[in-house]
Amino acid sequence: TVPLILAKPFTEALSDLPAQVGGAQSAVIVVDDSASMGVAIPGGTLLGRARARARRPAAALPRDAEVAVLTGAQGSQAPLPELTTARGRVTRAIESVWQTQRGTDLAGAVKRAAQVMAGQGRSGGRRVYVLTDLTAHGLEGVAAPPEVELVLLDVTDGKALPNRAVTDLRVEPAPALGSGGVRVLA
């Protein structure tokens, strides 16, 4: 066994986790629960993949790291809005994130994450891990304050997804439908 110890063996493993996940820190995990995360993919939805991947940094963080869990849709409720070291609570909070039909508000989620970590003196930094489909409109205005590091984790794996949107909506009178009848054109 002495030769083995002197050889200082090591192993390497590929991981999609950021390298900074192993350090002491305060962290907020933001799971995008907006409507676009409902896209069906092999094995489920983007939101299902985001929940599965959100468990990875939560499990990889050191035991003394403080973690909160927020969501990324407009007006959605935060499943765990305060920092905790209780990994069971973190895991249950991640599992409690469900699909909404709301729009994305990642800029607001990152601001809320910075507020959750405000005043925390955890050495090693403050990080916000955002699990999202990286839609362009969802990333508008997303910026972390200088003392917070933003880590974007793409749950699409870089694959192009179907993209549909209502770009124009008009309401016109429709007398043929009776008094007060209207026609909606999208």
N, C-alpha and C. Protein backbone atom coordinates (compact mmCIF):
# COMPACT_ATOMS: atom_id res chain seq x y z
N THR A 1 0.81 -1.20 0.00
CA THR A 1 0.00 0.00 0.00
C THR A 1 0.86 1.27 0.00
N VAL A 2 2.08 1.19 0.54
CA VAL A 2 2.95 2.36 0.56
C VAL A 2 3.27 2.83 -0.86
N PRO A 3 3.62 1.93 -1.80
CA PRO A 3 3.86 2.40 -3.17
C PRO A 3 2.64 3.08 -3.77
N LEU A 4 1.46 2.58 -3.45
CA LEU A 4 0.24 3.18 -3.96
C LEU A 4 0.06 4.60 -3.42
N ILE A 5 0.33 4.78 -2.13
CA ILE A 5 0.22 6.11 -1.53
C ILE A 5 1.24 7.06 -2.13
N LEU A 6 2.46 6.58 -2.34
CA LEU A 6 3.51 7.43 -2.92
C LEU A 6 3.22 7.79 -4.37
N ALA A 7 2.52 6.93 -5.08
CA ALA A 7 2.20 7.20 -6.48
C ALA A 7 1.16 8.31 -6.62
N LYS A 8 0.43 8.62 -5.55
CA LYS A 8 -0.61 9.67 -5.54
C LYS A 8 -1.57 9.51 -6.72
N PRO A 9 -2.24 8.38 -6.76
CA PRO A 9 -3.17 8.17 -7.87
C PRO A 9 -4.35 9.14 -7.81
N PHE A 10 -4.93 9.39 -8.96
CA PHE A 10 -6.10 10.25 -9.03
C PHE A 10 -6.98 9.77 -10.16
N THR A 11 -8.21 10.22 -10.13
CA THR A 11 -9.12 9.90 -11.21
C THR A 11 -9.70 11.19 -11.76
N GLU A 12 -10.12 11.15 -12.98
CA GLU A 12 -10.79 12.27 -13.60
C GLU A 12 -12.16 11.81 -14.06
N ALA A 13 -13.11 12.71 -13.97
CA ALA A 13 -14.46 12.40 -14.43
C ALA A 13 -15.01 13.61 -15.15
N LEU A 14 -15.73 13.35 -16.24
CA LEU A 14 -16.39 14.43 -16.95
C LEU A 14 -17.65 14.81 -16.19
N SER A 15 -17.91 16.11 -16.11
CA SER A 15 -19.08 16.59 -15.40
C SER A 15 -19.57 17.85 -16.08
N ASP A 16 -20.88 18.05 -16.07
CA ASP A 16 -21.43 19.29 -16.60
C ASP A 16 -21.59 20.33 -15.51
N LEU A 17 -21.12 20.02 -14.31
CA LEU A 17 -21.18 20.99 -13.22
C LEU A 17 -20.05 22.00 -13.35
N PRO A 18 -20.29 23.26 -12.99
CA PRO A 18 -19.21 24.22 -13.00
C PRO A 18 -18.18 23.88 -11.93
N ALA A 19 -16.93 24.20 -12.18
CA ALA A 19 -15.85 23.89 -11.23
C ALA A 19 -16.07 24.55 -9.88
N GLN A 20 -16.69 25.72 -9.86
CA GLN A 20 -16.86 26.47 -8.63
C GLN A 20 -17.87 25.85 -7.68
N VAL A 21 -18.57 24.80 -8.07
CA VAL A 21 -19.59 24.21 -7.21
C VAL A 21 -18.98 23.59 -5.96
N GLY A 22 -17.71 23.21 -5.98
CA GLY A 22 -17.10 22.54 -4.85
C GLY A 22 -16.62 23.45 -3.74
N GLY A 23 -16.59 24.75 -3.94
CA GLY A 23 -16.05 25.65 -2.93
C GLY A 23 -17.09 26.11 -1.92
N ALA A 24 -16.60 26.62 -0.79
CA ALA A 24 -17.51 27.18 0.22
C ALA A 24 -18.22 28.39 -0.37
N GLN A 25 -19.51 28.49 -0.09
CA GLN A 25 -20.27 29.57 -0.72
C GLN A 25 -21.69 29.64 -0.18
N SER A 26 -22.32 30.73 -0.51
CA SER A 26 -23.76 30.85 -0.40
C SER A 26 -24.27 30.76 -1.84
N ALA A 27 -25.29 29.95 -2.04
CA ALA A 27 -25.76 29.72 -3.41
C ALA A 27 -27.27 29.78 -3.47
N VAL A 28 -27.77 30.30 -4.59
CA VAL A 28 -29.19 30.26 -4.87
C VAL A 28 -29.35 29.53 -6.19
N ILE A 29 -30.19 28.51 -6.17
CA ILE A 29 -30.49 27.75 -7.38
C ILE A 29 -31.82 28.27 -7.91
N VAL A 30 -31.80 28.78 -9.16
CA VAL A 30 -33.01 29.29 -9.80
C VAL A 30 -33.42 28.29 -10.88
N VAL A 31 -34.62 27.74 -10.74
CA VAL A 31 -35.16 26.81 -11.73
C VAL A 31 -36.20 27.57 -12.53
N ASP A 32 -35.96 27.69 -13.83
CA ASP A 32 -36.90 28.38 -14.73
C ASP A 32 -38.15 27.52 -14.85
N ASP A 33 -39.28 28.03 -14.36
CA ASP A 33 -40.54 27.29 -14.42
C ASP A 33 -41.53 27.95 -15.38
N SER A 34 -41.01 28.76 -16.30
CA SER A 34 -41.87 29.48 -17.24
C SER A 34 -42.45 28.53 -18.29
N ALA A 35 -43.37 29.05 -19.08
CA ALA A 35 -44.09 28.24 -20.06
C ALA A 35 -43.16 27.56 -21.05
N SER A 36 -42.08 28.22 -21.45
CA SER A 36 -41.19 27.62 -22.45
C SER A 36 -40.49 26.37 -21.94
N MET A 37 -40.45 26.17 -20.63
CA MET A 37 -39.81 24.99 -20.07
C MET A 37 -40.69 23.75 -20.17
N GLY A 38 -41.91 23.90 -20.69
CA GLY A 38 -42.81 22.77 -20.87
C GLY A 38 -42.58 22.02 -22.16
N VAL A 39 -41.58 22.42 -22.94
CA VAL A 39 -41.29 21.75 -24.21
C VAL A 39 -40.97 20.28 -23.93
N ALA A 40 -41.62 19.40 -24.69
CA ALA A 40 -41.39 17.96 -24.55
C ALA A 40 -40.07 17.58 -25.19
N ILE A 41 -39.30 16.79 -24.46
CA ILE A 41 -38.03 16.25 -24.94
C ILE A 41 -38.04 14.76 -24.63
N PRO A 42 -37.15 13.98 -25.21
CA PRO A 42 -37.12 12.56 -24.87
C PRO A 42 -36.97 12.38 -23.35
N GLY A 43 -37.88 11.65 -22.76
CA GLY A 43 -37.81 11.39 -21.33
C GLY A 43 -38.59 12.37 -20.46
N GLY A 44 -39.26 13.36 -21.05
CA GLY A 44 -40.04 14.30 -20.24
C GLY A 44 -40.11 15.68 -20.83
N THR A 45 -39.84 16.68 -19.99
CA THR A 45 -39.87 18.08 -20.42
C THR A 45 -38.57 18.76 -20.02
N LEU A 46 -38.38 19.97 -20.54
CA LEU A 46 -37.21 20.74 -20.13
C LEU A 46 -37.23 21.02 -18.63
N LEU A 47 -38.42 21.27 -18.09
CA LEU A 47 -38.50 21.52 -16.64
C LEU A 47 -38.09 20.29 -15.85
N GLY A 48 -38.51 19.12 -16.30
CA GLY A 48 -38.08 17.88 -15.62
C GLY A 48 -36.57 17.73 -15.65
N ARG A 49 -35.97 18.04 -16.79
CA ARG A 49 -34.52 17.99 -16.90
C ARG A 49 -33.88 19.04 -15.99
N ALA A 50 -34.47 20.23 -15.91
CA ALA A 50 -33.93 21.28 -15.04
C ALA A 50 -33.97 20.84 -13.58
N ARG A 51 -35.07 20.24 -13.15
CA ARG A 51 -35.16 19.75 -11.76
C ARG A 51 -34.08 18.70 -11.49
N ALA A 52 -33.92 17.77 -12.43
CA ALA A 52 -32.92 16.71 -12.25
C ALA A 52 -31.52 17.31 -12.17
N ARG A 53 -31.25 18.28 -13.02
CA ARG A 53 -29.92 18.88 -13.02
C ARG A 53 -29.71 19.84 -11.85
N ALA A 54 -30.77 20.39 -11.31
CA ALA A 54 -30.64 21.28 -10.15
C ALA A 54 -30.22 20.49 -8.92
N ARG A 55 -30.57 19.23 -8.87
CA ARG A 55 -30.16 18.40 -7.73
C ARG A 55 -28.65 18.19 -7.72
N ARG A 56 -28.01 18.22 -8.86
CA ARG A 56 -26.57 17.97 -8.93
C ARG A 56 -25.75 19.03 -8.19
N PRO A 57 -25.91 20.33 -8.51
CA PRO A 57 -25.12 21.29 -7.73
C PRO A 57 -25.51 21.29 -6.26
N ALA A 58 -26.79 21.05 -5.97
CA ALA A 58 -27.22 21.01 -4.57
C ALA A 58 -26.49 19.91 -3.83
N ALA A 59 -26.31 18.76 -4.47
CA ALA A 59 -25.63 17.64 -3.83
C ALA A 59 -24.12 17.83 -3.80
N ALA A 60 -23.57 18.53 -4.79
CA ALA A 60 -22.12 18.69 -4.88
C ALA A 60 -21.57 19.81 -3.99
N LEU A 61 -22.43 20.72 -3.57
CA LEU A 61 -21.96 21.80 -2.71
C LEU A 61 -21.50 21.24 -1.37
N PRO A 62 -20.49 21.86 -0.76
CA PRO A 62 -20.05 21.40 0.56
C PRO A 62 -21.19 21.45 1.57
N ARG A 63 -21.13 20.60 2.59
CA ARG A 63 -22.19 20.50 3.59
C ARG A 63 -22.47 21.82 4.29
N ASP A 64 -21.46 22.66 4.44
CA ASP A 64 -21.68 23.93 5.14
C ASP A 64 -22.13 25.06 4.22
N ALA A 65 -22.26 24.77 2.91
CA ALA A 65 -22.74 25.79 1.98
C ALA A 65 -24.21 26.05 2.23
N GLU A 66 -24.58 27.29 2.19
CA GLU A 66 -25.98 27.68 2.38
C GLU A 66 -26.64 27.78 1.01
N VAL A 67 -27.86 27.24 0.90
CA VAL A 67 -28.53 27.17 -0.39
C VAL A 67 -29.98 27.61 -0.25
N ALA A 68 -30.47 28.34 -1.25
CA ALA A 68 -31.89 28.69 -1.37
C ALA A 68 -32.33 28.26 -2.77
N VAL A 69 -33.64 28.11 -2.96
CA VAL A 69 -34.18 27.71 -4.26
C VAL A 69 -35.28 28.69 -4.65
N LEU A 70 -35.12 29.30 -5.82
CA LEU A 70 -36.11 30.24 -6.37
C LEU A 70 -36.57 29.73 -7.73
N THR A 71 -37.61 30.36 -8.26
CA THR A 71 -38.09 30.02 -9.59
C THR A 71 -37.94 31.23 -10.52
N GLY A 72 -38.03 30.97 -11.83
CA GLY A 72 -37.73 32.02 -12.79
C GLY A 72 -38.90 32.59 -13.56
N ALA A 73 -40.12 32.17 -13.28
CA ALA A 73 -41.28 32.71 -13.99
C ALA A 73 -41.81 33.95 -13.27
N GLN A 74 -42.46 34.82 -14.03
CA GLN A 74 -43.04 36.04 -13.46
C GLN A 74 -44.05 35.69 -12.38
N GLY A 75 -43.83 36.21 -11.18
CA GLY A 75 -44.79 36.06 -10.10
C GLY A 75 -44.90 34.68 -9.49
N SER A 76 -44.03 33.75 -9.83
CA SER A 76 -44.14 32.42 -9.22
C SER A 76 -43.56 32.44 -7.81
N GLN A 77 -44.05 31.54 -6.98
CA GLN A 77 -43.65 31.48 -5.58
C GLN A 77 -42.31 30.78 -5.42
N ALA A 78 -41.48 31.31 -4.54
CA ALA A 78 -40.18 30.70 -4.26
C ALA A 78 -40.36 29.48 -3.36
N PRO A 79 -39.88 28.31 -3.77
CA PRO A 79 -40.06 27.12 -2.94
C PRO A 79 -39.21 27.12 -1.67
N LEU A 80 -38.06 27.79 -1.69
CA LEU A 80 -37.19 27.88 -0.51
C LEU A 80 -36.49 29.24 -0.54
N PRO A 81 -37.17 30.30 -0.05
CA PRO A 81 -36.67 31.66 -0.22
C PRO A 81 -35.60 32.10 0.77
N GLU A 82 -35.16 31.19 1.65
CA GLU A 82 -34.09 31.56 2.58
C GLU A 82 -32.97 30.54 2.49
N LEU A 83 -31.77 30.98 2.85
CA LEU A 83 -30.61 30.10 2.79
C LEU A 83 -30.68 29.07 3.91
N THR A 84 -30.27 27.84 3.58
CA THR A 84 -30.25 26.77 4.56
C THR A 84 -29.12 25.80 4.23
N THR A 85 -28.66 25.08 5.23
CA THR A 85 -27.68 24.02 5.00
C THR A 85 -28.37 22.65 4.98
N ALA A 86 -29.67 22.61 5.19
CA ALA A 86 -30.43 21.36 5.22
C ALA A 86 -30.69 20.85 3.81
N ARG A 87 -29.90 19.87 3.37
CA ARG A 87 -30.00 19.39 1.99
C ARG A 87 -31.34 18.75 1.69
N GLY A 88 -31.97 18.13 2.68
CA GLY A 88 -33.29 17.55 2.46
C GLY A 88 -34.31 18.61 2.07
N ARG A 89 -34.26 19.76 2.73
CA ARG A 89 -35.17 20.87 2.39
C ARG A 89 -34.89 21.36 0.98
N VAL A 90 -33.61 21.44 0.61
CA VAL A 90 -33.24 21.91 -0.72
C VAL A 90 -33.77 20.95 -1.79
N THR A 91 -33.58 19.67 -1.57
CA THR A 91 -34.05 18.67 -2.53
C THR A 91 -35.57 18.71 -2.66
N ARG A 92 -36.28 18.80 -1.54
CA ARG A 92 -37.76 18.88 -1.60
C ARG A 92 -38.21 20.16 -2.32
N ALA A 93 -37.48 21.27 -2.10
CA ALA A 93 -37.84 22.52 -2.78
C ALA A 93 -37.67 22.39 -4.28
N ILE A 94 -36.58 21.77 -4.72
CA ILE A 94 -36.35 21.57 -6.15
C ILE A 94 -37.46 20.70 -6.74
N GLU A 95 -37.83 19.64 -6.05
CA GLU A 95 -38.87 18.73 -6.53
C GLU A 95 -40.25 19.39 -6.55
N SER A 96 -40.44 20.45 -5.76
CA SER A 96 -41.74 21.11 -5.69
C SER A 96 -41.97 22.12 -6.81
N VAL A 97 -40.97 22.35 -7.65
CA VAL A 97 -41.10 23.30 -8.76
C VAL A 97 -41.90 22.64 -9.87
N TRP A 98 -43.04 23.27 -10.24
CA TRP A 98 -43.90 22.74 -11.28
C TRP A 98 -44.09 23.77 -12.38
N GLN A 99 -44.52 23.29 -13.51
CA GLN A 99 -44.72 24.11 -14.70
C GLN A 99 -45.76 25.20 -14.47
N THR A 100 -45.46 26.40 -14.93
CA THR A 100 -46.43 27.48 -14.95
C THR A 100 -46.68 27.87 -16.39
N GLN A 101 -47.67 28.68 -16.62
CA GLN A 101 -47.93 29.21 -17.96
C GLN A 101 -47.52 30.68 -18.00
N ARG A 102 -46.67 31.06 -17.09
CA ARG A 102 -46.23 32.45 -16.99
C ARG A 102 -44.99 32.68 -17.86
N GLY A 103 -44.73 33.96 -18.11
CA GLY A 103 -43.55 34.34 -18.87
C GLY A 103 -42.30 34.26 -18.00
N THR A 104 -41.16 34.33 -18.65
CA THR A 104 -39.89 34.24 -17.96
C THR A 104 -39.51 35.58 -17.35
N ASP A 105 -38.99 35.56 -16.13
CA ASP A 105 -38.46 36.75 -15.47
C ASP A 105 -37.16 36.39 -14.75
N LEU A 106 -36.17 35.98 -15.54
CA LEU A 106 -34.89 35.59 -14.95
C LEU A 106 -34.16 36.78 -14.35
N ALA A 107 -34.33 37.97 -14.95
CA ALA A 107 -33.70 39.17 -14.39
C ALA A 107 -34.22 39.41 -12.98
N GLY A 108 -35.53 39.30 -12.79
CA GLY A 108 -36.12 39.46 -11.46
C GLY A 108 -35.67 38.37 -10.51
N ALA A 109 -35.55 37.13 -11.00
CA ALA A 109 -35.12 36.02 -10.16
C ALA A 109 -33.68 36.23 -9.68
N VAL A 110 -32.82 36.71 -10.56
CA VAL A 110 -31.43 36.96 -10.16
C VAL A 110 -31.36 38.09 -9.13
N LYS A 111 -32.19 39.11 -9.29
CA LYS A 111 -32.24 40.19 -8.30
C LYS A 111 -32.72 39.65 -6.95
N ARG A 112 -33.77 38.81 -6.97
CA ARG A 112 -34.26 38.22 -5.72
C ARG A 112 -33.18 37.35 -5.08
N ALA A 113 -32.43 36.62 -5.90
CA ALA A 113 -31.35 35.77 -5.38
C ALA A 113 -30.30 36.62 -4.68
N ALA A 114 -29.94 37.75 -5.28
CA ALA A 114 -28.96 38.65 -4.65
C ALA A 114 -29.50 39.18 -3.33
N GLN A 115 -30.80 39.45 -3.27
CA GLN A 115 -31.40 39.92 -2.02
C GLN A 115 -31.37 38.83 -0.95
N VAL A 116 -31.61 37.59 -1.35
CA VAL A 116 -31.57 36.47 -0.40
C VAL A 116 -30.18 36.35 0.22
N MET A 117 -29.15 36.58 -0.60
CA MET A 117 -27.78 36.44 -0.12
C MET A 117 -27.22 37.70 0.51
N ALA A 118 -27.94 38.80 0.45
CA ALA A 118 -27.44 40.06 0.99
C ALA A 118 -27.12 39.90 2.47
N GLY A 119 -25.96 40.37 2.85
CA GLY A 119 -25.55 40.33 4.24
C GLY A 119 -24.98 39.00 4.69
N GLN A 120 -24.94 38.02 3.80
CA GLN A 120 -24.36 36.73 4.17
C GLN A 120 -22.84 36.81 4.04
N GLY A 121 -22.14 36.45 5.06
CA GLY A 121 -20.69 36.57 5.07
C GLY A 121 -19.96 35.30 4.70
N ARG A 122 -20.57 34.42 3.99
CA ARG A 122 -19.98 33.14 3.62
C ARG A 122 -18.74 33.38 2.77
N SER A 123 -17.59 32.86 3.24
CA SER A 123 -16.37 33.00 2.45
C SER A 123 -16.47 32.07 1.24
N GLY A 124 -15.80 32.42 0.18
CA GLY A 124 -15.84 31.60 -1.01
C GLY A 124 -16.79 32.15 -2.06
N GLY A 125 -17.62 33.08 -1.68
CA GLY A 125 -18.42 33.74 -2.68
C GLY A 125 -19.90 33.46 -2.60
N ARG A 126 -20.57 34.19 -3.45
CA ARG A 126 -22.02 34.08 -3.61
C ARG A 126 -22.29 33.78 -5.07
N ARG A 127 -23.05 32.71 -5.30
CA ARG A 127 -23.31 32.29 -6.67
C ARG A 127 -24.79 32.04 -6.88
N VAL A 128 -25.22 32.36 -8.09
CA VAL A 128 -26.59 32.07 -8.50
C VAL A 128 -26.48 31.11 -9.68
N TYR A 129 -27.04 29.90 -9.50
CA TYR A 129 -27.07 28.89 -10.55
C TYR A 129 -28.46 28.95 -11.18
N VAL A 130 -28.52 29.28 -12.47
CA VAL A 130 -29.79 29.40 -13.17
C VAL A 130 -29.91 28.27 -14.18
N LEU A 131 -30.93 27.43 -14.00
CA LEU A 131 -31.20 26.32 -14.91
C LEU A 131 -32.34 26.75 -15.81
N THR A 132 -32.05 26.92 -17.10
CA THR A 132 -33.01 27.52 -18.02
C THR A 132 -32.79 27.01 -19.44
N ASP A 133 -33.74 27.34 -20.30
CA ASP A 133 -33.62 26.99 -21.72
C ASP A 133 -32.93 28.09 -22.53
N LEU A 134 -32.48 29.12 -21.86
CA LEU A 134 -31.73 30.22 -22.49
C LEU A 134 -32.49 30.93 -23.59
N THR A 135 -33.81 31.09 -23.45
CA THR A 135 -34.55 31.86 -24.44
C THR A 135 -34.06 33.30 -24.43
N ALA A 136 -33.98 33.90 -25.60
CA ALA A 136 -33.45 35.26 -25.71
C ALA A 136 -34.25 36.25 -24.87
N HIS A 137 -35.59 36.17 -24.93
CA HIS A 137 -36.40 37.11 -24.16
C HIS A 137 -36.24 36.87 -22.65
N GLY A 138 -35.95 35.65 -22.26
CA GLY A 138 -35.76 35.34 -20.85
C GLY A 138 -34.47 35.88 -20.29
N LEU A 139 -33.49 36.08 -21.14
CA LEU A 139 -32.18 36.57 -20.69
C LEU A 139 -32.05 38.09 -20.75
N GLU A 140 -33.06 38.77 -21.29
CA GLU A 140 -33.00 40.23 -21.37
C GLU A 140 -32.88 40.83 -19.98
N GLY A 141 -31.88 41.66 -19.80
CA GLY A 141 -31.70 42.37 -18.53
C GLY A 141 -31.11 41.53 -17.41
N VAL A 142 -30.73 40.29 -17.68
CA VAL A 142 -30.16 39.44 -16.64
C VAL A 142 -28.72 39.88 -16.38
N ALA A 143 -28.47 40.30 -15.16
CA ALA A 143 -27.13 40.69 -14.75
C ALA A 143 -27.03 40.53 -13.25
N ALA A 144 -25.93 39.94 -12.81
CA ALA A 144 -25.72 39.76 -11.38
C ALA A 144 -24.99 40.98 -10.82
N PRO A 145 -25.28 41.36 -9.58
CA PRO A 145 -24.50 42.43 -8.96
C PRO A 145 -23.03 42.03 -8.90
N PRO A 146 -22.14 43.00 -8.75
CA PRO A 146 -20.70 42.70 -8.78
C PRO A 146 -20.25 41.65 -7.77
N GLU A 147 -20.89 41.56 -6.62
CA GLU A 147 -20.46 40.61 -5.59
C GLU A 147 -21.05 39.21 -5.76
N VAL A 148 -21.86 39.02 -6.81
CA VAL A 148 -22.52 37.74 -7.05
C VAL A 148 -22.09 37.19 -8.40
N GLU A 149 -21.71 35.92 -8.43
CA GLU A 149 -21.34 35.27 -9.69
C GLU A 149 -22.56 34.55 -10.25
N LEU A 150 -22.83 34.77 -11.53
CA LEU A 150 -23.97 34.16 -12.21
C LEU A 150 -23.49 32.98 -13.04
N VAL A 151 -24.09 31.80 -12.81
CA VAL A 151 -23.74 30.59 -13.55
C VAL A 151 -24.99 30.12 -14.28
N LEU A 152 -25.00 30.25 -15.62
CA LEU A 152 -26.12 29.82 -16.44
C LEU A 152 -25.91 28.37 -16.87
N LEU A 153 -26.90 27.52 -16.61
CA LEU A 153 -26.82 26.11 -16.98
C LEU A 153 -27.93 25.83 -17.99
N ASP A 154 -27.52 25.52 -19.22
CA ASP A 154 -28.42 25.32 -20.35
C ASP A 154 -29.01 23.91 -20.31
N VAL A 155 -30.32 23.80 -20.13
CA VAL A 155 -30.96 22.48 -20.06
C VAL A 155 -31.34 21.95 -21.45
N THR A 156 -31.11 22.73 -22.50
CA THR A 156 -31.40 22.25 -23.86
C THR A 156 -30.22 21.50 -24.45
N ASP A 157 -29.09 21.52 -23.77
CA ASP A 157 -27.86 20.90 -24.27
C ASP A 157 -27.46 21.49 -25.62
N GLY A 158 -27.82 22.76 -25.85
CA GLY A 158 -27.44 23.45 -27.07
C GLY A 158 -28.24 23.07 -28.30
N LYS A 159 -29.30 22.29 -28.13
CA LYS A 159 -30.11 21.86 -29.26
C LYS A 159 -31.19 22.89 -29.55
N ALA A 160 -31.43 23.11 -30.84
CA ALA A 160 -32.51 24.01 -31.24
C ALA A 160 -33.85 23.36 -30.93
N LEU A 161 -34.74 24.14 -30.38
CA LEU A 161 -36.06 23.65 -30.00
C LEU A 161 -37.12 24.32 -30.85
N PRO A 162 -38.31 23.72 -30.96
CA PRO A 162 -39.38 24.38 -31.70
C PRO A 162 -39.70 25.72 -31.05
N ASN A 163 -39.97 26.69 -31.88
CA ASN A 163 -40.19 28.04 -31.35
C ASN A 163 -41.45 28.60 -31.99
N ARG A 164 -42.45 28.84 -31.18
CA ARG A 164 -43.70 29.43 -31.65
C ARG A 164 -44.04 30.59 -30.74
N ALA A 165 -44.62 31.61 -31.35
CA ALA A 165 -44.99 32.79 -30.55
C ALA A 165 -46.12 33.53 -31.24
N VAL A 166 -46.94 34.19 -30.47
CA VAL A 166 -47.95 35.09 -31.01
C VAL A 166 -47.25 36.43 -31.19
N THR A 167 -47.14 36.87 -32.43
CA THR A 167 -46.42 38.11 -32.71
C THR A 167 -47.36 39.27 -33.01
N ASP A 168 -48.63 38.97 -33.30
CA ASP A 168 -49.59 40.03 -33.59
C ASP A 168 -50.97 39.52 -33.19
N LEU A 169 -51.74 40.38 -32.55
CA LEU A 169 -53.09 40.03 -32.13
C LEU A 169 -53.99 41.22 -32.40
N ARG A 170 -55.10 40.95 -33.15
CA ARG A 170 -56.03 42.03 -33.47
C ARG A 170 -57.45 41.59 -33.15
N VAL A 171 -58.23 42.52 -32.68
CA VAL A 171 -59.64 42.29 -32.42
C VAL A 171 -60.42 43.22 -33.34
N GLU A 172 -61.35 42.63 -34.12
CA GLU A 172 -62.12 43.41 -35.08
C GLU A 172 -63.61 43.15 -34.86
N PRO A 173 -64.44 44.14 -35.15
CA PRO A 173 -65.89 43.88 -35.08
C PRO A 173 -66.27 42.82 -36.11
N ALA A 174 -67.23 41.97 -35.75
CA ALA A 174 -67.72 40.94 -36.67
C ALA A 174 -69.24 40.97 -36.66
N PRO A 175 -69.84 41.91 -37.44
CA PRO A 175 -71.29 42.05 -37.44
C PRO A 175 -72.02 40.76 -37.83
N ALA A 176 -71.41 39.90 -38.60
CA ALA A 176 -72.05 38.65 -39.01
C ALA A 176 -72.30 37.72 -37.82
N LEU A 177 -71.61 37.97 -36.71
CA LEU A 177 -71.77 37.14 -35.52
C LEU A 177 -72.81 37.71 -34.56
N GLY A 178 -73.49 38.77 -34.94
CA GLY A 178 -74.51 39.37 -34.10
C GLY A 178 -73.98 40.64 -33.45
N SER A 179 -74.86 41.27 -32.69
CA SER A 179 -74.45 42.52 -32.05
C SER A 179 -73.38 42.22 -31.00
N GLY A 180 -72.36 43.00 -31.01
CA GLY A 180 -71.25 42.81 -30.08
C GLY A 180 -70.30 41.71 -30.48
N GLY A 181 -70.50 41.10 -31.65
CA GLY A 181 -69.62 40.02 -32.10
C GLY A 181 -68.25 40.58 -32.48
N VAL A 182 -67.22 39.85 -32.13
CA VAL A 182 -65.86 40.25 -32.48
C VAL A 182 -65.12 39.05 -33.07
N ARG A 183 -64.12 39.37 -33.85
CA ARG A 183 -63.24 38.35 -34.42
C ARG A 183 -61.83 38.64 -33.91
N VAL A 184 -61.17 37.62 -33.43
CA VAL A 184 -59.80 37.77 -32.94
C VAL A 184 -58.87 37.11 -33.95
N LEU A 185 -57.92 37.90 -34.44
CA LEU A 185 -56.93 37.39 -35.41
C LEU A 185 -55.57 37.35 -34.75
N ALA A 186 -54.95 36.18 -34.78
CA ALA A 186 -53.61 36.05 -34.19
C ALA A 186 -52.62 35.72 -35.29
